[in-house]
Amino acid sequence: MWYWLSLEGDVRCDHKLGRVQLIAKEDFVFVSGHPVVVDEEPRGRDIGGCPNVSVGIKPCTKTVNVQRGQSGFVTIGGKPVVRADLAGLTDGTPQGLVKYRVEHPGQTLVTEVP
């Protein structure tokens, strides 16, 4: 069972302090008063507050891709709903290894059962 991700969700890089900026691409389905996140979100989004800073080390500043977390069953406006099992890579170092994940989906009412 996976919760749907809402705009109030908390998505962070593996360094735990870097928070991904979510954007709602649709505004007609809400859970707990907040839009449901759909489509390729959060690909290409800013990450703020990543503490992974040092000489030769790049902090996470952007999401790169979506590896999992899009519904294969539920769509809104023809776009897949994003679930709480969302994960993908960031642009931080070590490159190609640092992921972002959902810490909290922003709501605990609507789920999808695999």
PDB file of N, CA and C in Angstrom:
ATOM      1  N   MET A   1       0.840  -1.177   0.000  1.00  0.00           N
ATOM      2  CA  MET A   1       0.000   0.000   0.000  1.00  0.00           C
ATOM      3  C   MET A   1       0.889   1.247   0.000  1.00  0.00           C
ATOM      4  N   TRP A   2       0.610   2.160  -0.904  1.00  0.00           N
ATOM      5  CA  TRP A   2       1.367   3.406  -0.996  1.00  0.00           C
ATOM      6  C   TRP A   2       0.418   4.587  -0.926  1.00  0.00           C
ATOM      7  N   TYR A   3       0.807   5.570  -0.119  1.00  0.00           N
ATOM      8  CA  TYR A   3       0.051   6.821  -0.082  1.00  0.00           C
ATOM      9  C   TYR A   3       0.382   7.629  -1.322  1.00  0.00           C
ATOM     10  N   TRP A   4      -0.584   8.439  -1.759  1.00  0.00           N
ATOM     11  CA  TRP A   4      -0.315   9.385  -2.832  1.00  0.00           C
ATOM     12  C   TRP A   4       0.446  10.561  -2.248  1.00  0.00           C
ATOM     13  N   LEU A   5       1.343  11.135  -3.036  1.00  0.00           N
ATOM     14  CA  LEU A   5       2.125  12.290  -2.616  1.00  0.00           C
ATOM     15  C   LEU A   5       1.323  13.564  -2.894  1.00  0.00           C
ATOM     16  N   SER A   6       1.183  14.404  -1.870  1.00  0.00           N
ATOM     17  CA  SER A   6       0.521  15.698  -2.068  1.00  0.00           C
ATOM     18  C   SER A   6       1.578  16.797  -2.058  1.00  0.00           C
ATOM     19  N   LEU A   7       1.152  18.000  -2.411  1.00  0.00           N
ATOM     20  CA  LEU A   7       2.065  19.137  -2.450  1.00  0.00           C
ATOM     21  C   LEU A   7       2.670  19.425  -1.075  1.00  0.00           C
ATOM     22  N   GLU A   8       2.032  18.981  -0.003  1.00  0.00           N
ATOM     23  CA  GLU A   8       2.563  19.144   1.349  1.00  0.00           C
ATOM     24  C   GLU A   8       3.567  18.054   1.718  1.00  0.00           C
ATOM     25  N   GLY A   9       3.862  17.166   0.786  1.00  0.00           N
ATOM     26  CA  GLY A   9       4.802  16.080   1.041  1.00  0.00           C
ATOM     27  C   GLY A   9       6.206  16.581   1.329  1.00  0.00           C
ATOM     28  N   ASP A  10       6.967  15.736   1.985  1.00  0.00           N
ATOM     29  CA  ASP A  10       8.352  16.047   2.351  1.00  0.00           C
ATOM     30  C   ASP A  10       9.267  15.078   1.614  1.00  0.00           C
ATOM     31  N   VAL A  11       9.959  15.577   0.587  1.00  0.00           N
ATOM     32  CA  VAL A  11      10.868  14.770  -0.222  1.00  0.00           C
ATOM     33  C   VAL A  11      12.268  15.323  -0.011  1.00  0.00           C
ATOM     34  N   ARG A  12      13.204  14.433   0.359  1.00  0.00           N
ATOM     35  CA  ARG A  12      14.557  14.878   0.714  1.00  0.00           C
ATOM     36  C   ARG A  12      15.636  14.030   0.052  1.00  0.00           C
ATOM     37  N   CYS A  13      16.820  14.636  -0.087  1.00  0.00           N
ATOM     38  CA  CYS A  13      17.967  13.886  -0.583  1.00  0.00           C
ATOM     39  C   CYS A  13      18.471  12.959   0.530  1.00  0.00           C
ATOM     40  N   ASP A  14      19.349  12.036   0.170  1.00  0.00           N
ATOM     41  CA  ASP A  14      19.890  11.075   1.141  1.00  0.00           C
ATOM     42  C   ASP A  14      20.605  11.738   2.314  1.00  0.00           C
ATOM     43  N   HIS A  15      20.984  13.004   2.155  1.00  0.00           N
ATOM     44  CA  HIS A  15      21.697  13.701   3.233  1.00  0.00           C
ATOM     45  C   HIS A  15      20.741  14.268   4.282  1.00  0.00           C
ATOM     46  N   LYS A  16      19.449  14.018   4.101  1.00  0.00           N
ATOM     47  CA  LYS A  16      18.342  14.296   5.023  1.00  0.00           C
ATOM     48  C   LYS A  16      17.962  15.759   5.227  1.00  0.00           C
ATOM     49  N   LEU A  17      18.858  16.695   5.007  1.00  0.00           N
ATOM     50  CA  LEU A  17      18.495  18.106   5.191  1.00  0.00           C
ATOM     51  C   LEU A  17      18.111  18.791   3.884  1.00  0.00           C
ATOM     52  N   GLY A  18      18.484  18.196   2.767  1.00  0.00           N
ATOM     53  CA  GLY A  18      18.159  18.777   1.462  1.00  0.00           C
ATOM     54  C   GLY A  18      16.730  18.474   1.076  1.00  0.00           C
ATOM     55  N   ARG A  19      15.900  19.506   0.984  1.00  0.00           N
ATOM     56  CA  ARG A  19      14.476  19.333   0.705  1.00  0.00           C
ATOM     57  C   ARG A  19      14.160  19.687  -0.747  1.00  0.00           C
ATOM     58  N   VAL A  20      13.426  18.796  -1.410  1.00  0.00           N
ATOM     59  CA  VAL A  20      13.035  18.980  -2.810  1.00  0.00           C
ATOM     60  C   VAL A  20      11.818  19.896  -2.883  1.00  0.00           C
ATOM     61  N   GLN A  21      11.877  20.874  -3.778  1.00  0.00           N
ATOM     62  CA  GLN A  21      10.753  21.783  -4.010  1.00  0.00           C
ATOM     63  C   GLN A  21       9.747  21.080  -4.920  1.00  0.00           C
ATOM     64  N   LEU A  22       8.552  20.828  -4.388  1.00  0.00           N
ATOM     65  CA  LEU A  22       7.495  20.199  -5.183  1.00  0.00           C
ATOM     66  C   LEU A  22       6.621  21.264  -5.830  1.00  0.00           C
ATOM     67  N   ILE A  23       6.115  20.956  -7.015  1.00  0.00           N
ATOM     68  CA  ILE A  23       5.217  21.848  -7.736  1.00  0.00           C
ATOM     69  C   ILE A  23       4.023  21.022  -8.210  1.00  0.00           C
ATOM     70  N   ALA A  24       2.837  21.548  -8.053  1.00  0.00           N
ATOM     71  CA  ALA A  24       1.632  20.849  -8.510  1.00  0.00           C
ATOM     72  C   ALA A  24       1.371  21.215  -9.964  1.00  0.00           C
ATOM     73  N   LYS A  25       1.332  20.213 -10.837  1.00  0.00           N
ATOM     74  CA  LYS A  25       1.065  20.457 -12.257  1.00  0.00           C
ATOM     75  C   LYS A  25      -0.419  20.408 -12.574  1.00  0.00           C
ATOM     76  N   GLU A  26      -1.215  20.041 -11.600  1.00  0.00           N
ATOM     77  CA  GLU A  26      -2.662  20.042 -11.778  1.00  0.00           C
ATOM     78  C   GLU A  26      -3.292  20.650 -10.541  1.00  0.00           C
ATOM     79  N   ASP A  27      -4.506  21.140 -10.694  1.00  0.00           N
ATOM     80  CA  ASP A  27      -5.138  21.797  -9.546  1.00  0.00           C
ATOM     81  C   ASP A  27      -6.612  21.437  -9.419  1.00  0.00           C
ATOM     82  N   PHE A  28      -6.941  20.171  -9.756  1.00  0.00           N
ATOM     83  CA  PHE A  28      -8.341  19.792  -9.632  1.00  0.00           C
ATOM     84  C   PHE A  28      -8.574  18.553  -8.789  1.00  0.00           C
ATOM     85  N   VAL A  29      -7.514  17.903  -8.283  1.00  0.00           N
ATOM     86  CA  VAL A  29      -7.667  16.798  -7.326  1.00  0.00           C
ATOM     87  C   VAL A  29      -6.842  17.145  -6.095  1.00  0.00           C
ATOM     88  N   PHE A  30      -7.529  17.213  -4.948  1.00  0.00           N
ATOM     89  CA  PHE A  30      -6.895  17.592  -3.696  1.00  0.00           C
ATOM     90  C   PHE A  30      -7.113  16.501  -2.655  1.00  0.00           C
ATOM     91  N   VAL A  31      -6.131  16.327  -1.770  1.00  0.00           N
ATOM     92  CA  VAL A  31      -6.266  15.454  -0.610  1.00  0.00           C
ATOM     93  C   VAL A  31      -5.853  16.278   0.598  1.00  0.00           C
ATOM     94  N   SER A  32      -6.698  16.318   1.596  1.00  0.00           N
ATOM     95  CA  SER A  32      -6.459  17.126   2.798  1.00  0.00           C
ATOM     96  C   SER A  32      -6.202  18.591   2.438  1.00  0.00           C
ATOM     97  N   GLY A  33      -6.850  19.066   1.383  1.00  0.00           N
ATOM     98  CA  GLY A  33      -6.742  20.465   0.995  1.00  0.00           C
ATOM     99  C   GLY A  33      -5.527  20.818   0.167  1.00  0.00           C
ATOM    100  N   HIS A  34      -4.746  19.814  -0.255  1.00  0.00           N
ATOM    101  CA  HIS A  34      -3.525  20.072  -1.030  1.00  0.00           C
ATOM    102  C   HIS A  34      -3.551  19.280  -2.331  1.00  0.00           C
ATOM    103  N   PRO A  35      -3.049  19.866  -3.433  1.00  0.00           N
ATOM    104  CA  PRO A  35      -3.050  19.166  -4.714  1.00  0.00           C
ATOM    105  C   PRO A  35      -2.223  17.876  -4.677  1.00  0.00           C
ATOM    106  N   VAL A  36      -2.671  16.894  -5.435  1.00  0.00           N
ATOM    107  CA  VAL A  36      -1.942  15.638  -5.599  1.00  0.00           C
ATOM    108  C   VAL A  36      -0.843  15.861  -6.635  1.00  0.00           C
ATOM    109  N   VAL A  37       0.336  15.313  -6.382  1.00  0.00           N
ATOM    110  CA  VAL A  37       1.479  15.446  -7.292  1.00  0.00           C
ATOM    111  C   VAL A  37       1.351  14.381  -8.389  1.00  0.00           C
ATOM    112  N   VAL A  38       1.560  14.788  -9.647  1.00  0.00           N
ATOM    113  CA  VAL A  38       1.412  13.875 -10.782  1.00  0.00           C
ATOM    114  C   VAL A  38       2.595  13.982 -11.734  1.00  0.00           C
ATOM    115  N   ASP A  39       2.638  13.040 -12.676  1.00  0.00           N
ATOM    116  CA  ASP A  39       3.529  13.069 -13.830  1.00  0.00           C
ATOM    117  C   ASP A  39       4.987  12.829 -13.451  1.00  0.00           C
ATOM    118  N   GLU A  40       5.899  13.543 -14.083  1.00  0.00           N
ATOM    119  CA  GLU A  40       7.338  13.392 -13.879  1.00  0.00           C
ATOM    120  C   GLU A  40       7.842  14.166 -12.673  1.00  0.00           C
ATOM    121  N   GLU A  41       6.937  14.785 -11.944  1.00  0.00           N
ATOM    122  CA  GLU A  41       7.325  15.517 -10.743  1.00  0.00           C
ATOM    123  C   GLU A  41       7.968  14.515  -9.793  1.00  0.00           C
ATOM    124  N   PRO A  42       9.078  14.759  -9.183  1.00  0.00           N
ATOM    125  CA  PRO A  42       9.799  16.013  -9.122  1.00  0.00           C
ATOM    126  C   PRO A  42      11.073  16.046  -9.955  1.00  0.00           C
ATOM    127  N   ARG A  43      11.059  15.574 -11.169  1.00  0.00           N
ATOM    128  CA  ARG A  43      12.249  15.625 -12.012  1.00  0.00           C
ATOM    129  C   ARG A  43      12.614  17.073 -12.326  1.00  0.00           C
ATOM    130  N   GLY A  44      13.920  17.411 -12.176  1.00  0.00           N
ATOM    131  CA  GLY A  44      14.413  18.742 -12.500  1.00  0.00           C
ATOM    132  C   GLY A  44      14.076  19.818 -11.478  1.00  0.00           C
ATOM    133  N   ARG A  45      13.707  19.420 -10.265  1.00  0.00           N
ATOM    134  CA  ARG A  45      13.328  20.384  -9.227  1.00  0.00           C
ATOM    135  C   ARG A  45      14.517  20.767  -8.347  1.00  0.00           C
ATOM    136  N   ASP A  46      14.433  21.971  -7.801  1.00  0.00           N
ATOM    137  CA  ASP A  46      15.479  22.462  -6.903  1.00  0.00           C
ATOM    138  C   ASP A  46      15.475  21.694  -5.587  1.00  0.00           C
ATOM    139  N   ILE A  47      16.669  21.550  -5.015  1.00  0.00           N
ATOM    140  CA  ILE A  47      16.844  20.977  -3.686  1.00  0.00           C
ATOM    141  C   ILE A  47      17.552  22.042  -2.856  1.00  0.00           C
ATOM    142  N   GLY A  48      16.970  22.393  -1.732  1.00  0.00           N
ATOM    143  CA  GLY A  48      17.563  23.417  -0.870  1.00  0.00           C
ATOM    144  C   GLY A  48      18.011  22.836   0.459  1.00  0.00           C
ATOM    145  N   GLY A  49      19.148  23.285   0.947  1.00  0.00           N
ATOM    146  CA  GLY A  49      19.600  22.923   2.279  1.00  0.00           C
ATOM    147  C   GLY A  49      20.458  21.683   2.389  1.00  0.00           C
ATOM    148  N   CYS A  50      20.917  21.117   1.282  1.00  0.00           N
ATOM    149  CA  CYS A  50      21.760  19.921   1.367  1.00  0.00           C
ATOM    150  C   CYS A  50      23.076  20.275   2.061  1.00  0.00           C
ATOM    151  N   PRO A  51      23.441  19.531   3.114  1.00  0.00           N
ATOM    152  CA  PRO A  51      24.652  19.843   3.866  1.00  0.00           C
ATOM    153  C   PRO A  51      25.926  19.210   3.310  1.00  0.00           C
ATOM    154  N   ASN A  52      25.826  18.484   2.207  1.00  0.00           N
ATOM    155  CA  ASN A  52      26.970  17.760   1.659  1.00  0.00           C
ATOM    156  C   ASN A  52      27.906  18.724   0.930  1.00  0.00           C
ATOM    157  N   VAL A  53      28.618  19.546   1.702  1.00  0.00           N
ATOM    158  CA  VAL A  53      29.476  20.585   1.133  1.00  0.00           C
ATOM    159  C   VAL A  53      30.895  20.412   1.658  1.00  0.00           C
ATOM    160  N   SER A  54      31.849  20.378   0.737  1.00  0.00           N
ATOM    161  CA  SER A  54      33.264  20.301   1.090  1.00  0.00           C
ATOM    162  C   SER A  54      34.071  20.536  -0.181  1.00  0.00           C
ATOM    163  N   VAL A  55      35.386  20.547  -0.063  1.00  0.00           N
ATOM    164  CA  VAL A  55      36.250  20.723  -1.229  1.00  0.00           C
ATOM    165  C   VAL A  55      36.062  19.512  -2.147  1.00  0.00           C
ATOM    166  N   GLY A  56      35.719  19.769  -3.401  1.00  0.00           N
ATOM    167  CA  GLY A  56      35.533  18.699  -4.378  1.00  0.00           C
ATOM    168  C   GLY A  56      34.224  17.936  -4.228  1.00  0.00           C
ATOM    169  N   ILE A  57      33.357  18.389  -3.347  1.00  0.00           N
ATOM    170  CA  ILE A  57      32.065  17.724  -3.123  1.00  0.00           C
ATOM    171  C   ILE A  57      30.956  18.693  -3.524  1.00  0.00           C
ATOM    172  N   LYS A  58      30.050  18.212  -4.354  1.00  0.00           N
ATOM    173  CA  LYS A  58      28.922  19.042  -4.785  1.00  0.00           C
ATOM    174  C   LYS A  58      27.683  18.661  -3.984  1.00  0.00           C
ATOM    175  N   PRO A  59      27.041  19.636  -3.352  1.00  0.00           N
ATOM    176  CA  PRO A  59      25.790  19.332  -2.645  1.00  0.00           C
ATOM    177  C   PRO A  59      24.667  19.033  -3.649  1.00  0.00           C
ATOM    178  N   CYS A  60      23.626  18.406  -3.183  1.00  0.00           N
ATOM    179  CA  CYS A  60      22.457  18.143  -4.024  1.00  0.00           C
ATOM    180  C   CYS A  60      21.719  19.465  -4.229  1.00  0.00           C
ATOM    181  N   THR A  61      21.573  19.881  -5.487  1.00  0.00           N
ATOM    182  CA  THR A  61      20.865  21.120  -5.798  1.00  0.00           C
ATOM    183  C   THR A  61      19.692  20.904  -6.744  1.00  0.00           C
ATOM    184  N   LYS A  62      19.651  19.758  -7.441  1.00  0.00           N
ATOM    185  CA  LYS A  62      18.579  19.448  -8.400  1.00  0.00           C
ATOM    186  C   LYS A  62      18.289  17.946  -8.385  1.00  0.00           C
ATOM    187  N   THR A  63      17.023  17.616  -8.664  1.00  0.00           N
ATOM    188  CA  THR A  63      16.683  16.223  -8.918  1.00  0.00           C
ATOM    189  C   THR A  63      16.990  15.932 -10.381  1.00  0.00           C
ATOM    190  N   VAL A  64      17.424  14.716 -10.677  1.00  0.00           N
ATOM    191  CA  VAL A  64      17.829  14.377 -12.037  1.00  0.00           C
ATOM    192  C   VAL A  64      16.758  13.553 -12.755  1.00  0.00           C
ATOM    193  N   ASN A  65      16.251  12.528 -12.102  1.00  0.00           N
ATOM    194  CA  ASN A  65      15.287  11.652 -12.758  1.00  0.00           C
ATOM    195  C   ASN A  65      14.305  11.073 -11.744  1.00  0.00           C
ATOM    196  N   VAL A  66      13.371  10.292 -12.233  1.00  0.00           N
ATOM    197  CA  VAL A  66      12.442   9.546 -11.394  1.00  0.00           C
ATOM    198  C   VAL A  66      12.686   8.079 -11.703  1.00  0.00           C
ATOM    199  N   GLN A  67      13.069   7.303 -10.686  1.00  0.00           N
ATOM    200  CA  GLN A  67      13.333   5.887 -10.894  1.00  0.00           C
ATOM    201  C   GLN A  67      12.123   5.016 -10.571  1.00  0.00           C
ATOM    202  N   ARG A  68      11.329   5.460  -9.608  1.00  0.00           N
ATOM    203  CA  ARG A  68      10.116   4.715  -9.254  1.00  0.00           C
ATOM    204  C   ARG A  68       9.154   5.663  -8.544  1.00  0.00           C
ATOM    205  N   GLY A  69       7.916   5.207  -8.392  1.00  0.00           N
ATOM    206  CA  GLY A  69       6.950   5.981  -7.635  1.00  0.00           C
ATOM    207  C   GLY A  69       5.798   6.539  -8.436  1.00  0.00           C
ATOM    208  N   GLN A  70       5.742   6.243  -9.728  1.00  0.00           N
ATOM    209  CA  GLN A  70       4.613   6.689 -10.534  1.00  0.00           C
ATOM    210  C   GLN A  70       3.604   5.551 -10.645  1.00  0.00           C
ATOM    211  N   SER A  71       2.353   5.876 -10.439  1.00  0.00           N
ATOM    212  CA  SER A  71       1.307   4.867 -10.515  1.00  0.00           C
ATOM    213  C   SER A  71       1.189   4.322 -11.928  1.00  0.00           C
ATOM    214  N   GLY A  72       1.059   3.020 -12.035  1.00  0.00           N
ATOM    215  CA  GLY A  72       0.783   2.393 -13.317  1.00  0.00           C
ATOM    216  C   GLY A  72      -0.708   2.140 -13.480  1.00  0.00           C
ATOM    217  N   PHE A  73      -1.485   2.580 -12.500  1.00  0.00           N
ATOM    218  CA  PHE A  73      -2.913   2.294 -12.465  1.00  0.00           C
ATOM    219  C   PHE A  73      -3.779   3.551 -12.422  1.00  0.00           C
ATOM    220  N   VAL A  74      -3.376   4.543 -11.608  1.00  0.00           N
ATOM    221  CA  VAL A  74      -4.205   5.738 -11.399  1.00  0.00           C
ATOM    222  C   VAL A  74      -3.581   6.935 -12.102  1.00  0.00           C
ATOM    223  N   THR A  75      -4.413   7.647 -12.873  1.00  0.00           N
ATOM    224  CA  THR A  75      -3.959   8.872 -13.530  1.00  0.00           C
ATOM    225  C   THR A  75      -4.921  10.013 -13.198  1.00  0.00           C
ATOM    226  N   ILE A  76      -4.397  11.218 -13.264  1.00  0.00           N
ATOM    227  CA  ILE A  76      -5.201  12.433 -13.115  1.00  0.00           C
ATOM    228  C   ILE A  76      -4.888  13.297 -14.334  1.00  0.00           C
ATOM    229  N   GLY A  77      -5.891  13.596 -15.118  1.00  0.00           N
ATOM    230  CA  GLY A  77      -5.669  14.362 -16.339  1.00  0.00           C
ATOM    231  C   GLY A  77      -4.732  13.662 -17.296  1.00  0.00           C
ATOM    232  N   GLY A  78      -4.740  12.321 -17.287  1.00  0.00           N
ATOM    233  CA  GLY A  78      -3.881  11.538 -18.168  1.00  0.00           C
ATOM    234  C   GLY A  78      -2.445  11.385 -17.682  1.00  0.00           C
ATOM    235  N   LYS A  79      -2.142  11.902 -16.498  1.00  0.00           N
ATOM    236  CA  LYS A  79      -0.782  11.818 -15.947  1.00  0.00           C
ATOM    237  C   LYS A  79      -0.784  10.926 -14.716  1.00  0.00           C
ATOM    238  N   PRO A  80       0.237  10.072 -14.547  1.00  0.00           N
ATOM    239  CA  PRO A  80       0.251   9.163 -13.408  1.00  0.00           C
ATOM    240  C   PRO A  80       0.392   9.897 -12.075  1.00  0.00           C
ATOM    241  N   VAL A  81      -0.334   9.402 -11.076  1.00  0.00           N
ATOM    242  CA  VAL A  81      -0.215   9.912  -9.719  1.00  0.00           C
ATOM    243  C   VAL A  81       1.150   9.489  -9.171  1.00  0.00           C
ATOM    244  N   VAL A  82       1.784  10.363  -8.399  1.00  0.00           N
ATOM    245  CA  VAL A  82       3.062  10.046  -7.762  1.00  0.00           C
ATOM    246  C   VAL A  82       2.769   9.488  -6.374  1.00  0.00           C
ATOM    247  N   ARG A  83       3.398   8.340  -6.070  1.00  0.00           N
ATOM    248  CA  ARG A  83       3.175   7.645  -4.806  1.00  0.00           C
ATOM    249  C   ARG A  83       4.332   7.888  -3.840  1.00  0.00           C
ATOM    250  N   ALA A  84       4.130   7.490  -2.602  1.00  0.00           N
ATOM    251  CA  ALA A  84       5.123   7.694  -1.546  1.00  0.00           C
ATOM    252  C   ALA A  84       6.345   6.803  -1.684  1.00  0.00           C
ATOM    253  N   ASP A  85       6.354   5.877  -2.637  1.00  0.00           N
ATOM    254  CA  ASP A  85       7.571   5.087  -2.881  1.00  0.00           C
ATOM    255  C   ASP A  85       8.481   5.766  -3.902  1.00  0.00           C
ATOM    256  N   LEU A  86       8.212   7.044  -4.177  1.00  0.00           N
ATOM    257  CA  LEU A  86       9.005   7.838  -5.114  1.00  0.00           C
ATOM    258  C   LEU A  86      10.491   7.812  -4.743  1.00  0.00           C
ATOM    259  N   ALA A  87      11.326   7.643  -5.754  1.00  0.00           N
ATOM    260  CA  ALA A  87      12.783   7.730  -5.575  1.00  0.00           C
ATOM    261  C   ALA A  87      13.412   8.058  -6.917  1.00  0.00           C
ATOM    262  N   GLY A  88      14.552   8.726  -6.854  1.00  0.00           N
ATOM    263  CA  GLY A  88      15.307   9.063  -8.053  1.00  0.00           C
ATOM    264  C   GLY A  88      16.664   9.596  -7.644  1.00  0.00           C
ATOM    265  N   LEU A  89      17.442  10.026  -8.612  1.00  0.00           N
ATOM    266  CA  LEU A  89      18.796  10.515  -8.344  1.00  0.00           C
ATOM    267  C   LEU A  89      18.838  12.033  -8.270  1.00  0.00           C
ATOM    268  N   THR A  90      19.838  12.537  -7.521  1.00  0.00           N
ATOM    269  CA  THR A  90      20.117  13.966  -7.459  1.00  0.00           C
ATOM    270  C   THR A  90      21.395  14.252  -8.228  1.00  0.00           C
ATOM    271  N   ASP A  91      21.761  15.523  -8.328  1.00  0.00           N
ATOM    272  CA  ASP A  91      23.007  15.907  -8.997  1.00  0.00           C
ATOM    273  C   ASP A  91      24.180  16.008  -8.028  1.00  0.00           C
ATOM    274  N   GLY A  92      23.990  15.588  -6.778  1.00  0.00           N
ATOM    275  CA  GLY A  92      25.056  15.661  -5.772  1.00  0.00           C
ATOM    276  C   GLY A  92      26.113  14.582  -5.949  1.00  0.00           C
ATOM    277  N   THR A  93      27.220  14.756  -5.245  1.00  0.00           N
ATOM    278  CA  THR A  93      28.290  13.758  -5.306  1.00  0.00           C
ATOM    279  C   THR A  93      28.180  12.814  -4.114  1.00  0.00           C
ATOM    280  N   PRO A  94      28.555  11.545  -4.318  1.00  0.00           N
ATOM    281  CA  PRO A  94      29.085  10.974  -5.554  1.00  0.00           C
ATOM    282  C   PRO A  94      28.011  10.862  -6.635  1.00  0.00           C
ATOM    283  N   GLN A  95      28.359  11.351  -7.819  1.00  0.00           N
ATOM    284  CA  GLN A  95      27.419  11.437  -8.927  1.00  0.00           C
ATOM    285  C   GLN A  95      26.862  10.063  -9.281  1.00  0.00           C
ATOM    286  N   GLY A  96      25.542  10.010  -9.485  1.00  0.00           N
ATOM    287  CA  GLY A  96      24.884   8.765  -9.853  1.00  0.00           C
ATOM    288  C   GLY A  96      24.577   7.837  -8.695  1.00  0.00           C
ATOM    289  N   LEU A  97      24.858   8.284  -7.454  1.00  0.00           N
ATOM    290  CA  LEU A  97      24.612   7.428  -6.290  1.00  0.00           C
ATOM    291  C   LEU A  97      23.679   8.042  -5.258  1.00  0.00           C
ATOM    292  N   VAL A  98      23.588   9.362  -5.217  1.00  0.00           N
ATOM    293  CA  VAL A  98      22.786  10.023  -4.193  1.00  0.00           C
ATOM    294  C   VAL A  98      21.332  10.113  -4.660  1.00  0.00           C
ATOM    295  N   LYS A  99      20.426   9.592  -3.837  1.00  0.00           N
ATOM    296  CA  LYS A  99      19.008   9.553  -4.184  1.00  0.00           C
ATOM    297  C   LYS A  99      18.199  10.558  -3.384  1.00  0.00           C
ATOM    298  N   TYR A 100      17.004  10.798  -3.846  1.00  0.00           N
ATOM    299  CA  TYR A 100      15.997  11.513  -3.061  1.00  0.00           C
ATOM    300  C   TYR A 100      14.852  10.542  -2.818  1.00  0.00           C
ATOM    301  N   ARG A 101      14.161  10.729  -1.700  1.00  0.00           N
ATOM    302  CA  ARG A 101      13.066   9.852  -1.312  1.00  0.00           C
ATOM    303  C   ARG A 101      12.017  10.643  -0.542  1.00  0.00           C
ATOM    304  N   VAL A 102      10.856  10.045  -0.388  1.00  0.00           N
ATOM    305  CA  VAL A 102       9.765  10.655   0.363  1.00  0.00           C
ATOM    306  C   VAL A 102       9.960  10.376   1.847  1.00  0.00           C
ATOM    307  N   GLU A 103      10.005  11.435   2.639  1.00  0.00           N
ATOM    308  CA  GLU A 103      10.046  11.297   4.091  1.00  0.00           C
ATOM    309  C   GLU A 103       8.622  11.208   4.641  1.00  0.00           C
ATOM    310  N   HIS A 104       7.720  12.001   4.044  1.00  0.00           N
ATOM    311  CA  HIS A 104       6.306  11.962   4.413  1.00  0.00           C
ATOM    312  C   HIS A 104       5.499  12.368   3.186  1.00  0.00           C
ATOM    313  N   PRO A 105       4.409  11.640   2.874  1.00  0.00           N
ATOM    314  CA  PRO A 105       3.649  11.939   1.658  1.00  0.00           C
ATOM    315  C   PRO A 105       2.789  13.199   1.720  1.00  0.00           C
ATOM    316  N   GLY A 106       2.652  13.809   2.900  1.00  0.00           N
ATOM    317  CA  GLY A 106       1.844  15.009   3.003  1.00  0.00           C
ATOM    318  C   GLY A 106       0.375  14.742   3.296  1.00  0.00           C
ATOM    319  N   GLN A 107      -0.003  13.480   3.308  1.00  0.00           N
ATOM    320  CA  GLN A 107      -1.374  13.085   3.641  1.00  0.00           C
ATOM    321  C   GLN A 107      -1.370  11.592   3.976  1.00  0.00           C
ATOM    322  N   THR A 108      -2.340  11.158   4.750  1.00  0.00           N
ATOM    323  CA  THR A 108      -2.441   9.736   5.121  1.00  0.00           C
ATOM    324  C   THR A 108      -3.877   9.222   4.954  1.00  0.00           C
ATOM    325  N   LEU A 109      -4.546   9.730   3.931  1.00  0.00           N
ATOM    326  CA  LEU A 109      -5.928   9.317   3.670  1.00  0.00           C
ATOM    327  C   LEU A 109      -6.063   8.444   2.429  1.00  0.00           C
ATOM    328  N   VAL A 110      -5.401   8.804   1.340  1.00  0.00           N
ATOM    329  CA  VAL A 110      -5.595   8.115   0.062  1.00  0.00           C
ATOM    330  C   VAL A 110      -4.387   7.258  -0.249  1.00  0.00           C
ATOM    331  N   THR A 111      -4.658   5.977  -0.555  1.00  0.00           N
ATOM    332  CA  THR A 111      -3.586   5.035  -0.868  1.00  0.00           C
ATOM    333  C   THR A 111      -3.888   4.309  -2.172  1.00  0.00           C
ATOM    334  N   GLU A 112      -2.854   3.663  -2.670  1.00  0.00           N
ATOM    335  CA  GLU A 112      -2.988   2.772  -3.831  1.00  0.00           C
ATOM    336  C   GLU A 112      -2.412   1.430  -3.409  1.00  0.00           C
ATOM    337  N   VAL A 113      -3.156   0.389  -3.651  1.00  0.00           N
ATOM    338  CA  VAL A 113      -2.695  -0.962  -3.304  1.00  0.00           C
ATOM    339  C   VAL A 113      -2.108  -1.606  -4.555  1.00  0.00           C
ATOM    340  N   PRO A 114      -0.854  -2.112  -4.450  1.00  0.00           N
ATOM    341  CA  PRO A 114      -0.217  -2.709  -5.636  1.00  0.00           C
ATOM    342  C   PRO A 114      -0.908  -3.984  -6.076  1.00  0.00           C
TER     343      PRO A 114
END
